[in-house]
Amino acid sequence: MNGASTVNNTLRAAFSYCVQQVRSYDYHHYLCLLHLPPAVRRAAFALRALNVETARAMDVASDPKIGLMRLLWWQEAIDKIYSRKLIEHPVAQALSSVVSDHKISKHWLRRSLDARINDANRDEYSIPEKISDLEKYAEDTQSTLLYMTLQAGGIASTAADHAASHIGKASGLLLLLKSLPHHVSRSGKVPYIPADVAEKHGLLIRSGSGSEVRMESGEDLSDVVFEVASAAGAHLQKARELAGTVPAEAVPALLPAVPAQVLLDSLRRRQFNVFDSRSSRGVLGISPLWYQLKLKWHVLMNKY
């Protein structure tokens, strides 16, 4: 009895840790997850907490090699989880429980982590050639989270999966745009602007060592951001066009379309100037109350 009690207490602590991590570092999605059914919510928090761990690995490391080592540690941890081996980390413990209870596909977890590792391994002068390269990264890191949330809810729907794919791509593209000032401040380089779009607007510098995007706040940069943001907007539109065929029970898992739209609208209001500090105020550029009201409206209308 004491052993079972200890295990339960450990799991409760692990899931509580996951919730706090998501609340602290991914607040707009934290609010989305609160609207999921309880059983699915626990799984979604564990999955999002893993995403927080892997997304921040390179940013919190003092040396890129240390960040990469952390990602490789998580790669090994996922293999151990599926081999039913114990790992002394709260996110790994929660994830192990979720994988066992909901039979989460290892393919999606590995695909997400492999994308992070490949990104970390990129040369500092290497930038994506086309928007489709960014879309692939967004699909691997964001859409996979939605696929697994649907899987945790026992929802098998091609339409829901297609909507999740588009929402993840939109969310990923917009979050990459949102992160541009952070990456510039850290390294002075921009890894997430496609070369063909930057070249079209005169912001691409090619040299023997590789390519680089000139990050000069102005109309040319805003045009580049607009083009990438427009691709994200097109994905949101495609996701909404599928709404009539998406099962009602899948809609809560697709609520991340709401923060994606909020971020897109915030960029639009700032004329696609990613350096406008107003876009980082509140929740994605709007007041927390207004953001929560938008979410609640979508929940009440059963829309995403």
C-alpha atoms as a PDB file:
ATOM      1  CA  MET A   1       0.000   0.000   0.000  1.00  0.00           C
ATOM      2  CA  ASN A   2       2.824   2.380   0.943  1.00  0.00           C
ATOM      3  CA  GLY A   3       4.610   1.601  -2.332  1.00  0.00           C
ATOM      4  CA  ALA A   4       1.501   2.358  -4.385  1.00  0.00           C
ATOM      5  CA  SER A   5       0.941   5.556  -2.413  1.00  0.00           C
ATOM      6  CA  THR A   6       4.523   6.654  -3.076  1.00  0.00           C
ATOM      7  CA  VAL A   7       4.115   6.026  -6.808  1.00  0.00           C
ATOM      8  CA  ASN A   8       0.874   8.001  -6.893  1.00  0.00           C
ATOM      9  CA  ASN A   9       2.442  10.896  -5.001  1.00  0.00           C
ATOM     10  CA  THR A  10       5.414  10.893  -7.368  1.00  0.00           C
ATOM     11  CA  LEU A  11       3.119  10.988 -10.396  1.00  0.00           C
ATOM     12  CA  ARG A  12       0.986  13.767  -8.923  1.00  0.00           C
ATOM     13  CA  ALA A  13       4.136  15.796  -8.319  1.00  0.00           C
ATOM     14  CA  ALA A  14       5.352  15.052 -11.852  1.00  0.00           C
ATOM     15  CA  PHE A  15       2.116  16.215 -13.481  1.00  0.00           C
ATOM     16  CA  SER A  16       2.016  19.281 -11.233  1.00  0.00           C
ATOM     17  CA  TYR A  17       5.526  20.131 -12.410  1.00  0.00           C
ATOM     18  CA  CYS A  18       4.414  19.772 -16.047  1.00  0.00           C
ATOM     19  CA  VAL A  19       1.492  22.129 -15.499  1.00  0.00           C
ATOM     20  CA  GLN A  20       3.751  24.748 -13.900  1.00  0.00           C
ATOM     21  CA  GLN A  21       6.305  24.503 -16.713  1.00  0.00           C
ATOM     22  CA  VAL A  22       3.664  25.056 -19.367  1.00  0.00           C
ATOM     23  CA  ARG A  23       2.078  27.875 -17.360  1.00  0.00           C
ATOM     24  CA  SER A  24       5.443  29.594 -16.953  1.00  0.00           C
ATOM     25  CA  TYR A  25       6.845  29.213 -20.471  1.00  0.00           C
ATOM     26  CA  ASP A  26       3.869  28.592 -22.780  1.00  0.00           C
ATOM     27  CA  TYR A  27       1.057  30.524 -21.133  1.00  0.00           C
ATOM     28  CA  HIS A  28      -1.144  30.987 -24.202  1.00  0.00           C
ATOM     29  CA  HIS A  29      -1.247  27.231 -24.730  1.00  0.00           C
ATOM     30  CA  TYR A  30      -1.631  26.628 -20.990  1.00  0.00           C
ATOM     31  CA  LEU A  31      -4.957  28.462 -21.166  1.00  0.00           C
ATOM     32  CA  CYS A  32      -5.986  26.359 -24.178  1.00  0.00           C
ATOM     33  CA  LEU A  33      -5.273  23.094 -22.362  1.00  0.00           C
ATOM     34  CA  LEU A  34      -7.542  24.039 -19.464  1.00  0.00           C
ATOM     35  CA  HIS A  35     -10.505  23.501 -21.804  1.00  0.00           C
ATOM     36  CA  LEU A  36      -9.627  19.867 -22.571  1.00  0.00           C
ATOM     37  CA  PRO A  37     -11.421  16.954 -20.867  1.00  0.00           C
ATOM     38  CA  PRO A  38      -9.520  16.035 -17.637  1.00  0.00           C
ATOM     39  CA  ALA A  39      -7.938  12.786 -18.866  1.00  0.00           C
ATOM     40  CA  VAL A  40      -6.759  14.363 -22.124  1.00  0.00           C
ATOM     41  CA  ARG A  41      -5.650  17.491 -20.251  1.00  0.00           C
ATOM     42  CA  ARG A  42      -3.147  15.514 -18.159  1.00  0.00           C
ATOM     43  CA  ALA A  43      -1.673  13.983 -21.287  1.00  0.00           C
ATOM     44  CA  ALA A  44      -1.545  17.327 -23.110  1.00  0.00           C
ATOM     45  CA  PHE A  45       0.274  18.996 -20.215  1.00  0.00           C
ATOM     46  CA  ALA A  46       2.925  16.265 -20.196  1.00  0.00           C
ATOM     47  CA  LEU A  47       3.381  16.580 -23.969  1.00  0.00           C
ATOM     48  CA  ARG A  48       3.544  20.384 -23.835  1.00  0.00           C
ATOM     49  CA  ALA A  49       5.987  20.222 -20.930  1.00  0.00           C
ATOM     50  CA  LEU A  50       8.298  18.054 -23.029  1.00  0.00           C
ATOM     51  CA  ASN A  51       7.992  20.639 -25.796  1.00  0.00           C
ATOM     52  CA  VAL A  52       8.983  23.357 -23.298  1.00  0.00           C
ATOM     53  CA  GLU A  53      12.035  21.322 -22.266  1.00  0.00           C
ATOM     54  CA  THR A  54      13.205  20.728 -25.836  1.00  0.00           C
ATOM     55  CA  ALA A  55      12.295  24.185 -27.194  1.00  0.00           C
ATOM     56  CA  ARG A  56      14.267  25.910 -24.412  1.00  0.00           C
ATOM     57  CA  ALA A  57      17.237  23.514 -24.390  1.00  0.00           C
ATOM     58  CA  MET A  58      19.392  25.665 -26.673  1.00  0.00           C
ATOM     59  CA  ASP A  59      18.267  28.994 -25.200  1.00  0.00           C
ATOM     60  CA  VAL A  60      19.053  28.234 -21.559  1.00  0.00           C
ATOM     61  CA  ALA A  61      22.412  26.585 -22.263  1.00  0.00           C
ATOM     62  CA  SER A  62      25.548  28.676 -21.841  1.00  0.00           C
ATOM     63  CA  ASP A  63      27.159  26.698 -24.657  1.00  0.00           C
ATOM     64  CA  PRO A  64      25.338  25.306 -27.746  1.00  0.00           C
ATOM     65  CA  LYS A  65      27.049  21.961 -27.175  1.00  0.00           C
ATOM     66  CA  ILE A  66      25.421  21.723 -23.744  1.00  0.00           C
ATOM     67  CA  GLY A  67      22.020  22.473 -25.265  1.00  0.00           C
ATOM     68  CA  LEU A  68      22.556  19.774 -27.885  1.00  0.00           C
ATOM     69  CA  MET A  69      23.594  17.313 -25.176  1.00  0.00           C
ATOM     70  CA  ARG A  70      20.324  18.055 -23.386  1.00  0.00           C
ATOM     71  CA  LEU A  71      18.346  17.288 -26.533  1.00  0.00           C
ATOM     72  CA  LEU A  72      20.263  14.047 -27.035  1.00  0.00           C
ATOM     73  CA  TRP A  73      19.496  13.166 -23.403  1.00  0.00           C
ATOM     74  CA  TRP A  74      15.794  13.540 -24.159  1.00  0.00           C
ATOM     75  CA  GLN A  75      16.191  11.401 -27.265  1.00  0.00           C
ATOM     76  CA  GLU A  76      17.614   8.650 -25.090  1.00  0.00           C
ATOM     77  CA  ALA A  77      14.930   9.265 -22.437  1.00  0.00           C
ATOM     78  CA  ILE A  78      12.150   8.634 -24.955  1.00  0.00           C
ATOM     79  CA  ASP A  79      13.731   5.311 -25.899  1.00  0.00           C
ATOM     80  CA  LYS A  80      13.862   4.396 -22.198  1.00  0.00           C
ATOM     81  CA  ILE A  81      10.221   5.390 -21.679  1.00  0.00           C
ATOM     82  CA  TYR A  82       9.121   2.983 -24.387  1.00  0.00           C
ATOM     83  CA  SER A  83      11.342   0.298 -22.854  1.00  0.00           C
ATOM     84  CA  ARG A  84       9.546   0.919 -19.515  1.00  0.00           C
ATOM     85  CA  LYS A  85      12.714   2.076 -17.773  1.00  0.00           C
ATOM     86  CA  LEU A  86      12.557   4.493 -14.840  1.00  0.00           C
ATOM     87  CA  ILE A  87      13.862   8.028 -15.405  1.00  0.00           C
ATOM     88  CA  GLU A  88      14.350  10.472 -12.540  1.00  0.00           C
ATOM     89  CA  HIS A  89      12.858  13.518 -14.200  1.00  0.00           C
ATOM     90  CA  PRO A  90       9.300  14.788 -13.548  1.00  0.00           C
ATOM     91  CA  VAL A  91       8.447  15.422 -17.213  1.00  0.00           C
ATOM     92  CA  ALA A  92       9.786  11.994 -18.192  1.00  0.00           C
ATOM     93  CA  GLN A  93       7.796  10.375 -15.353  1.00  0.00           C
ATOM     94  CA  ALA A  94       4.581  12.087 -16.424  1.00  0.00           C
ATOM     95  CA  LEU A  95       5.253  11.246 -20.057  1.00  0.00           C
ATOM     96  CA  SER A  96       5.876   7.600 -19.199  1.00  0.00           C
ATOM     97  CA  SER A  97       2.449   7.446 -17.526  1.00  0.00           C
ATOM     98  CA  VAL A  98       0.796   9.123 -20.534  1.00  0.00           C
ATOM     99  CA  VAL A  99       2.473   6.795 -23.028  1.00  0.00           C
ATOM    100  CA  SER A 100       1.326   3.792 -20.985  1.00  0.00           C
ATOM    101  CA  ASP A 101      -2.255   5.019 -20.520  1.00  0.00           C
ATOM    102  CA  HIS A 102      -2.909   6.417 -24.001  1.00  0.00           C
ATOM    103  CA  LYS A 103      -0.528   4.392 -26.214  1.00  0.00           C
ATOM    104  CA  ILE A 104       1.008   7.585 -27.626  1.00  0.00           C
ATOM    105  CA  SER A 105       2.926   6.939 -30.840  1.00  0.00           C
ATOM    106  CA  LYS A 106       6.688   6.976 -30.393  1.00  0.00           C
ATOM    107  CA  HIS A 107       6.943   8.137 -34.008  1.00  0.00           C
ATOM    108  CA  TRP A 108       5.480  11.559 -33.183  1.00  0.00           C
ATOM    109  CA  LEU A 109       7.668  12.069 -30.116  1.00  0.00           C
ATOM    110  CA  ARG A 110      10.827  11.135 -31.981  1.00  0.00           C
ATOM    111  CA  ARG A 111       9.862  13.222 -35.004  1.00  0.00           C
ATOM    112  CA  SER A 112       9.478  16.302 -32.813  1.00  0.00           C
ATOM    113  CA  LEU A 113      12.734  15.719 -30.979  1.00  0.00           C
ATOM    114  CA  ASP A 114      14.682  14.865 -34.137  1.00  0.00           C
ATOM    115  CA  ALA A 115      13.544  18.186 -35.644  1.00  0.00           C
ATOM    116  CA  ARG A 116      14.923  20.046 -32.596  1.00  0.00           C
ATOM    117  CA  ILE A 117      18.211  18.141 -32.798  1.00  0.00           C
ATOM    118  CA  ASN A 118      18.610  18.759 -36.532  1.00  0.00           C
ATOM    119  CA  ASP A 119      17.923  22.450 -35.946  1.00  0.00           C
ATOM    120  CA  ALA A 120      20.503  22.580 -33.154  1.00  0.00           C
ATOM    121  CA  ASN A 121      23.051  20.912 -35.426  1.00  0.00           C
ATOM    122  CA  ARG A 122      22.627  23.492 -38.205  1.00  0.00           C
ATOM    123  CA  ASP A 123      25.589  25.646 -39.070  1.00  0.00           C
ATOM    124  CA  GLU A 124      25.150  29.209 -37.766  1.00  0.00           C
ATOM    125  CA  TYR A 125      25.255  30.509 -41.344  1.00  0.00           C
ATOM    126  CA  SER A 126      22.719  27.983 -42.586  1.00  0.00           C
ATOM    127  CA  ILE A 127      19.225  29.362 -43.134  1.00  0.00           C
ATOM    128  CA  PRO A 128      16.168  27.693 -44.710  1.00  0.00           C
ATOM    129  CA  GLU A 129      15.916  28.141 -48.457  1.00  0.00           C
ATOM    130  CA  LYS A 130      12.119  28.325 -48.712  1.00  0.00           C
ATOM    131  CA  ILE A 131       9.005  28.813 -46.590  1.00  0.00           C
ATOM    132  CA  SER A 132       8.295  25.112 -47.137  1.00  0.00           C
ATOM    133  CA  ASP A 133      11.422  24.329 -45.067  1.00  0.00           C
ATOM    134  CA  LEU A 134      10.000  26.358 -42.183  1.00  0.00           C
ATOM    135  CA  GLU A 135       6.625  24.667 -42.644  1.00  0.00           C
ATOM    136  CA  LYS A 136       8.301  21.273 -42.335  1.00  0.00           C
ATOM    137  CA  TYR A 137       9.950  22.331 -39.069  1.00  0.00           C
ATOM    138  CA  ALA A 138       6.634  23.726 -37.776  1.00  0.00           C
ATOM    139  CA  GLU A 139       4.848  20.504 -38.725  1.00  0.00           C
ATOM    140  CA  ASP A 140       7.448  18.398 -36.928  1.00  0.00           C
ATOM    141  CA  THR A 141       7.492  20.468 -33.734  1.00  0.00           C
ATOM    142  CA  GLN A 142       3.933  21.850 -33.436  1.00  0.00           C
ATOM    143  CA  SER A 143       1.550  19.705 -35.486  1.00  0.00           C
ATOM    144  CA  THR A 144       2.895  16.573 -33.807  1.00  0.00           C
ATOM    145  CA  LEU A 145       1.747  17.946 -30.432  1.00  0.00           C
ATOM    146  CA  LEU A 146      -1.786  18.215 -31.778  1.00  0.00           C
ATOM    147  CA  TYR A 147      -1.657  14.733 -33.344  1.00  0.00           C
ATOM    148  CA  MET A 148      -0.657  13.272 -29.979  1.00  0.00           C
ATOM    149  CA  THR A 149      -3.341  15.234 -28.117  1.00  0.00           C
ATOM    150  CA  LEU A 150      -5.955  13.860 -30.497  1.00  0.00           C
ATOM    151  CA  GLN A 151      -4.490  10.401 -30.005  1.00  0.00           C
ATOM    152  CA  ALA A 152      -4.703  10.805 -26.207  1.00  0.00           C
ATOM    153  CA  GLY A 153      -8.389  11.629 -26.631  1.00  0.00           C
ATOM    154  CA  GLY A 154      -8.963   8.484 -28.673  1.00  0.00           C
ATOM    155  CA  ILE A 155      -9.958  10.590 -31.692  1.00  0.00           C
ATOM    156  CA  ALA A 156      -9.249   8.939 -35.042  1.00  0.00           C
ATOM    157  CA  SER A 157     -10.295  11.406 -37.717  1.00  0.00           C
ATOM    158  CA  THR A 158      -8.530  12.204 -40.964  1.00  0.00           C
ATOM    159  CA  ALA A 159     -10.217  15.619 -41.052  1.00  0.00           C
ATOM    160  CA  ALA A 160      -9.057  16.419 -37.513  1.00  0.00           C
ATOM    161  CA  ASP A 161      -5.519  15.321 -38.393  1.00  0.00           C
ATOM    162  CA  HIS A 162      -5.518  17.533 -41.491  1.00  0.00           C
ATOM    163  CA  ALA A 163      -6.771  20.491 -39.456  1.00  0.00           C
ATOM    164  CA  ALA A 164      -4.105  19.785 -36.825  1.00  0.00           C
ATOM    165  CA  SER A 165      -1.447  19.765 -39.526  1.00  0.00           C
ATOM    166  CA  HIS A 166      -2.460  23.204 -40.779  1.00  0.00           C
ATOM    167  CA  ILE A 167      -2.878  24.683 -37.288  1.00  0.00           C
ATOM    168  CA  GLY A 168       0.535  23.373 -36.231  1.00  0.00           C
ATOM    169  CA  LYS A 169       2.183  24.827 -39.325  1.00  0.00           C
ATOM    170  CA  ALA A 170       0.520  28.195 -38.749  1.00  0.00           C
ATOM    171  CA  SER A 171       1.424  28.219 -35.076  1.00  0.00           C
ATOM    172  CA  GLY A 172       5.016  27.177 -35.759  1.00  0.00           C
ATOM    173  CA  LEU A 173       5.582  29.818 -38.450  1.00  0.00           C
ATOM    174  CA  LEU A 174       4.157  32.595 -36.276  1.00  0.00           C
ATOM    175  CA  LEU A 175       6.116  31.552 -33.188  1.00  0.00           C
ATOM    176  CA  LEU A 176       9.316  31.577 -35.262  1.00  0.00           C
ATOM    177  CA  LEU A 177       8.518  35.144 -36.346  1.00  0.00           C
ATOM    178  CA  LYS A 178       7.780  36.110 -32.750  1.00  0.00           C
ATOM    179  CA  SER A 179      11.175  34.734 -31.688  1.00  0.00           C
ATOM    180  CA  LEU A 180      13.198  36.723 -34.244  1.00  0.00           C
ATOM    181  CA  PRO A 181      14.090  39.630 -31.869  1.00  0.00           C
ATOM    182  CA  HIS A 182      15.261  37.101 -29.277  1.00  0.00           C
ATOM    183  CA  HIS A 183      17.555  35.333 -31.741  1.00  0.00           C
ATOM    184  CA  VAL A 184      18.940  38.614 -33.023  1.00  0.00           C
ATOM    185  CA  SER A 185      19.695  39.806 -29.497  1.00  0.00           C
ATOM    186  CA  ARG A 186      21.469  36.531 -28.656  1.00  0.00           C
ATOM    187  CA  SER A 187      23.594  36.019 -31.753  1.00  0.00           C
ATOM    188  CA  GLY A 188      22.943  38.857 -34.178  1.00  0.00           C
ATOM    189  CA  LYS A 189      21.929  36.233 -36.735  1.00  0.00           C
ATOM    190  CA  VAL A 190      18.530  35.169 -38.028  1.00  0.00           C
ATOM    191  CA  PRO A 191      18.079  31.442 -38.647  1.00  0.00           C
ATOM    192  CA  TYR A 192      14.351  31.453 -39.394  1.00  0.00           C
ATOM    193  CA  ILE A 193      13.856  33.708 -42.431  1.00  0.00           C
ATOM    194  CA  PRO A 194      13.749  31.826 -45.772  1.00  0.00           C
ATOM    195  CA  ALA A 195      16.546  32.785 -48.155  1.00  0.00           C
ATOM    196  CA  ASP A 196      14.295  33.146 -51.212  1.00  0.00           C
ATOM    197  CA  VAL A 197      11.948  35.561 -49.412  1.00  0.00           C
ATOM    198  CA  ALA A 198      14.836  37.568 -47.956  1.00  0.00           C
ATOM    199  CA  GLU A 199      16.519  37.765 -51.367  1.00  0.00           C
ATOM    200  CA  LYS A 200      13.321  38.997 -53.013  1.00  0.00           C
ATOM    201  CA  HIS A 201      13.278  41.947 -50.611  1.00  0.00           C
ATOM    202  CA  GLY A 202      16.998  42.710 -50.747  1.00  0.00           C
ATOM    203  CA  LEU A 203      17.866  41.434 -47.272  1.00  0.00           C
ATOM    204  CA  LEU A 204      20.010  38.428 -48.176  1.00  0.00           C
ATOM    205  CA  ILE A 205      23.805  38.527 -47.984  1.00  0.00           C
ATOM    206  CA  ARG A 206      25.608  35.590 -49.576  1.00  0.00           C
ATOM    207  CA  SER A 207      29.245  34.887 -48.766  1.00  0.00           C
ATOM    208  CA  GLY A 208      31.724  32.056 -48.970  1.00  0.00           C
ATOM    209  CA  SER A 209      30.733  30.808 -45.536  1.00  0.00           C
ATOM    210  CA  GLY A 210      26.990  30.824 -46.213  1.00  0.00           C
ATOM    211  CA  SER A 211      24.016  33.167 -46.246  1.00  0.00           C
ATOM    212  CA  GLU A 212      22.844  35.785 -43.789  1.00  0.00           C
ATOM    213  CA  VAL A 213      19.731  37.936 -43.490  1.00  0.00           C
ATOM    214  CA  ARG A 214      20.143  41.632 -42.738  1.00  0.00           C
ATOM    215  CA  MET A 215      17.849  42.372 -39.810  1.00  0.00           C
ATOM    216  CA  GLU A 216      17.256  46.057 -40.274  1.00  0.00           C
ATOM    217  CA  SER A 217      13.905  47.169 -38.913  1.00  0.00           C
ATOM    218  CA  GLY A 218      12.122  48.792 -41.807  1.00  0.00           C
ATOM    219  CA  GLU A 219       9.742  48.272 -44.691  1.00  0.00           C
ATOM    220  CA  ASP A 220      11.805  45.525 -46.367  1.00  0.00           C
ATOM    221  CA  LEU A 221      11.895  43.420 -43.217  1.00  0.00           C
ATOM    222  CA  SER A 222       8.180  43.999 -42.609  1.00  0.00           C
ATOM    223  CA  ASP A 223       7.523  42.753 -46.160  1.00  0.00           C
ATOM    224  CA  VAL A 224       9.478  39.588 -45.413  1.00  0.00           C
ATOM    225  CA  VAL A 225       7.574  39.005 -42.163  1.00  0.00           C
ATOM    226  CA  PHE A 226       4.294  39.697 -43.973  1.00  0.00           C
ATOM    227  CA  GLU A 227       5.066  37.005 -46.539  1.00  0.00           C
ATOM    228  CA  VAL A 228       5.823  34.345 -43.920  1.00  0.00           C
ATOM    229  CA  ALA A 229       2.847  35.436 -41.798  1.00  0.00           C
ATOM    230  CA  SER A 230       0.602  35.231 -44.871  1.00  0.00           C
ATOM    231  CA  ALA A 231       1.611  31.593 -45.320  1.00  0.00           C
ATOM    232  CA  ALA A 232       0.593  31.011 -41.704  1.00  0.00           C
ATOM    233  CA  GLY A 233      -2.721  32.765 -42.322  1.00  0.00           C
ATOM    234  CA  ALA A 234      -3.383  30.513 -45.309  1.00  0.00           C
ATOM    235  CA  HIS A 235      -2.894  27.441 -43.111  1.00  0.00           C
ATOM    236  CA  LEU A 236      -5.357  28.782 -40.541  1.00  0.00           C
ATOM    237  CA  GLN A 237      -7.877  29.359 -43.320  1.00  0.00           C
ATOM    238  CA  LYS A 238      -7.433  25.808 -44.618  1.00  0.00           C
ATOM    239  CA  ALA A 239      -7.902  24.445 -41.089  1.00  0.00           C
ATOM    240  CA  ARG A 240     -11.167  26.375 -40.708  1.00  0.00           C
ATOM    241  CA  GLU A 241     -12.424  25.140 -44.068  1.00  0.00           C
ATOM    242  CA  LEU A 242     -12.230  21.628 -42.619  1.00  0.00           C
ATOM    243  CA  ALA A 243     -14.319  22.552 -39.547  1.00  0.00           C
ATOM    244  CA  GLY A 244     -17.526  21.081 -40.968  1.00  0.00           C
ATOM    245  CA  THR A 245     -15.955  17.627 -41.204  1.00  0.00           C
ATOM    246  CA  VAL A 246     -14.030  17.676 -37.897  1.00  0.00           C
ATOM    247  CA  PRO A 247     -15.738  15.697 -35.078  1.00  0.00           C
ATOM    248  CA  ALA A 248     -17.057  17.918 -32.272  1.00  0.00           C
ATOM    249  CA  GLU A 249     -14.971  16.055 -29.689  1.00  0.00           C
ATOM    250  CA  ALA A 250     -11.782  16.991 -31.577  1.00  0.00           C
ATOM    251  CA  VAL A 251     -12.368  20.747 -31.418  1.00  0.00           C
ATOM    252  CA  PRO A 252     -10.905  21.346 -27.899  1.00  0.00           C
ATOM    253  CA  ALA A 253      -7.624  19.779 -29.030  1.00  0.00           C
ATOM    254  CA  LEU A 254      -7.505  22.220 -31.948  1.00  0.00           C
ATOM    255  CA  LEU A 255      -7.930  25.366 -29.820  1.00  0.00           C
ATOM    256  CA  PRO A 256      -4.264  26.352 -30.453  1.00  0.00           C
ATOM    257  CA  ALA A 257      -5.665  27.870 -33.659  1.00  0.00           C
ATOM    258  CA  VAL A 258      -6.915  30.697 -31.431  1.00  0.00           C
ATOM    259  CA  PRO A 259      -3.512  31.905 -30.131  1.00  0.00           C
ATOM    260  CA  ALA A 260      -2.130  31.522 -33.659  1.00  0.00           C
ATOM    261  CA  GLN A 261      -4.834  33.874 -34.956  1.00  0.00           C
ATOM    262  CA  VAL A 262      -4.253  36.295 -32.060  1.00  0.00           C
ATOM    263  CA  LEU A 263      -0.535  36.430 -32.858  1.00  0.00           C
ATOM    264  CA  LEU A 264      -1.227  36.931 -36.566  1.00  0.00           C
ATOM    265  CA  ASP A 265      -3.633  39.766 -35.775  1.00  0.00           C
ATOM    266  CA  SER A 266      -1.090  41.357 -33.419  1.00  0.00           C
ATOM    267  CA  LEU A 267       1.545  41.328 -36.138  1.00  0.00           C
ATOM    268  CA  ARG A 268      -0.943  42.821 -38.585  1.00  0.00           C
ATOM    269  CA  ARG A 269      -1.764  45.683 -36.187  1.00  0.00           C
ATOM    270  CA  ARG A 270       1.965  46.459 -35.874  1.00  0.00           C
ATOM    271  CA  GLN A 271       2.423  46.476 -39.669  1.00  0.00           C
ATOM    272  CA  PHE A 272       4.419  43.225 -39.323  1.00  0.00           C
ATOM    273  CA  ASN A 273       7.191  44.922 -37.358  1.00  0.00           C
ATOM    274  CA  VAL A 274       8.460  42.088 -35.138  1.00  0.00           C
ATOM    275  CA  PHE A 275      10.516  44.570 -33.124  1.00  0.00           C
ATOM    276  CA  ASP A 276       7.438  46.488 -31.961  1.00  0.00           C
ATOM    277  CA  SER A 277       7.411  45.807 -28.204  1.00  0.00           C
ATOM    278  CA  ARG A 278       3.620  46.068 -28.060  1.00  0.00           C
ATOM    279  CA  SER A 279       3.377  42.624 -29.673  1.00  0.00           C
ATOM    280  CA  SER A 280       4.963  41.051 -26.587  1.00  0.00           C
ATOM    281  CA  ARG A 281       2.679  42.701 -24.044  1.00  0.00           C
ATOM    282  CA  GLY A 282      -0.046  40.780 -22.249  1.00  0.00           C
ATOM    283  CA  VAL A 283      -0.762  37.516 -24.053  1.00  0.00           C
ATOM    284  CA  LEU A 284       0.565  37.669 -27.619  1.00  0.00           C
ATOM    285  CA  GLY A 285      -0.031  41.408 -27.790  1.00  0.00           C
ATOM    286  CA  ILE A 286      -3.508  41.621 -26.232  1.00  0.00           C
ATOM    287  CA  SER A 287      -4.712  41.826 -22.627  1.00  0.00           C
ATOM    288  CA  PRO A 288      -4.932  38.511 -20.725  1.00  0.00           C
ATOM    289  CA  LEU A 289      -8.654  39.129 -20.094  1.00  0.00           C
ATOM    290  CA  TRP A 290      -9.400  39.719 -23.785  1.00  0.00           C
ATOM    291  CA  TYR A 291      -7.392  36.619 -24.716  1.00  0.00           C
ATOM    292  CA  GLN A 292      -9.338  34.468 -22.260  1.00  0.00           C
ATOM    293  CA  LEU A 293     -12.645  35.875 -23.510  1.00  0.00           C
ATOM    294  CA  LYS A 294     -11.659  34.937 -27.072  1.00  0.00           C
ATOM    295  CA  LEU A 295     -10.856  31.410 -25.934  1.00  0.00           C
ATOM    296  CA  LYS A 296     -14.114  31.063 -23.991  1.00  0.00           C
ATOM    297  CA  TRP A 297     -16.128  32.276 -26.975  1.00  0.00           C
ATOM    298  CA  HIS A 298     -14.547  29.618 -29.192  1.00  0.00           C
ATOM    299  CA  VAL A 299     -15.204  26.973 -26.544  1.00  0.00           C
ATOM    300  CA  LEU A 300     -18.855  27.982 -26.195  1.00  0.00           C
ATOM    301  CA  MET A 301     -19.312  27.991 -29.970  1.00  0.00           C
ATOM    302  CA  ASN A 302     -17.299  24.749 -30.282  1.00  0.00           C
ATOM    303  CA  LYS A 303     -15.007  26.389 -32.825  1.00  0.00           C
ATOM    304  CA  TYR A 304     -11.258  26.521 -33.252  1.00  0.00           C
END
